[in-house]
């Protein structure tokens, strides 16, 4: 027999009135708990972006100046 859940079923967005949809979109969602490895990878990705973007901008400007 299927397990019974006490949580209400999510309401499909298509059947909501516009005011109900706006209210549902304003409800903040909780943060998701991520494993430490994923958090570390996201932190390293952030550092990579902070280093790579200035390098790309520098190379682009240098290529424009020196043809």
Protein backbone atom coordinates (compact mmCIF):
# COMPACT_ATOMS: atom_id res chain seq x y z
CA UNK A 1 0.00 0.00 0.00
CA UNK A 2 1.28 3.49 -0.78
CA UNK A 3 2.67 5.56 2.07
CA UNK A 4 0.33 8.32 3.19
CA UNK A 5 1.78 11.84 3.36
CA UNK A 6 0.48 14.50 5.73
CA UNK A 7 1.77 17.36 3.58
CA UNK A 8 -0.65 19.09 1.20
CA UNK A 9 -0.09 18.57 -2.50
CA UNK A 10 1.53 21.50 -4.36
CA UNK A 11 -0.94 23.57 -6.35
CA UNK A 12 -0.28 23.67 -10.09
CA UNK A 13 0.51 27.21 -11.21
CA UNK A 14 -1.91 27.02 -14.13
CA UNK A 15 -5.03 26.99 -11.92
CA UNK A 16 -4.09 29.95 -9.70
CA UNK A 17 -5.71 33.34 -10.06
CA UNK A 18 -3.27 36.20 -10.89
CA UNK A 19 -3.43 37.57 -7.32
CA UNK A 20 -2.81 34.11 -5.88
CA UNK A 21 0.13 33.59 -8.22
CA UNK A 22 1.65 36.95 -7.21
CA UNK A 23 1.26 36.05 -3.52
CA UNK A 24 2.84 32.63 -4.09
CA UNK A 25 5.82 34.17 -5.87
CA UNK A 26 6.45 36.57 -2.96
CA UNK A 27 6.73 33.72 -0.47
CA UNK A 28 10.47 33.24 0.17
CA UNK A 29 11.89 29.74 -0.17
CA UNK A 30 14.25 28.40 2.49
CA UNK A 31 17.92 27.93 1.67
CA UNK A 32 18.90 24.44 0.69
CA UNK A 33 21.45 22.70 2.89
CA UNK A 34 24.42 21.74 0.71
CA UNK A 35 27.22 19.35 1.59
CA UNK A 36 30.56 20.92 2.49
CA UNK A 37 32.17 19.66 -0.71
CA UNK A 38 29.59 21.45 -2.86
CA UNK A 39 30.01 24.66 -0.85
CA UNK A 40 33.79 24.44 -1.33
CA UNK A 41 33.38 23.93 -5.09
CA UNK A 42 31.04 26.93 -5.33
CA UNK A 43 33.56 29.03 -3.38
CA UNK A 44 36.37 27.98 -5.75
CA UNK A 45 34.15 28.80 -8.72
CA UNK A 46 33.58 32.26 -7.28
CA UNK A 47 37.34 32.81 -6.96
CA UNK A 48 37.87 31.55 -10.53
CA UNK A 49 35.31 34.03 -11.88
CA UNK A 50 36.87 36.90 -9.90
CA UNK A 51 40.26 36.09 -11.46
CA UNK A 52 39.12 35.18 -15.00
CA UNK A 53 36.87 38.19 -15.71
CA UNK A 54 39.60 40.83 -15.24
CA UNK A 55 41.98 38.75 -17.39
CA UNK A 56 39.46 38.53 -20.21
CA UNK A 57 38.70 42.27 -20.00
CA UNK A 58 42.44 43.06 -20.06
CA UNK A 59 43.02 40.81 -23.07
CA UNK A 60 40.05 42.33 -24.89
CA UNK A 61 41.17 45.91 -24.29
CA UNK A 62 44.75 45.06 -25.24
CA UNK A 63 43.57 43.43 -28.48
CA UNK A 64 41.53 46.53 -29.32
CA UNK A 65 44.49 48.85 -28.78
CA UNK A 66 47.12 46.79 -30.57
CA UNK A 67 44.92 45.62 -33.43
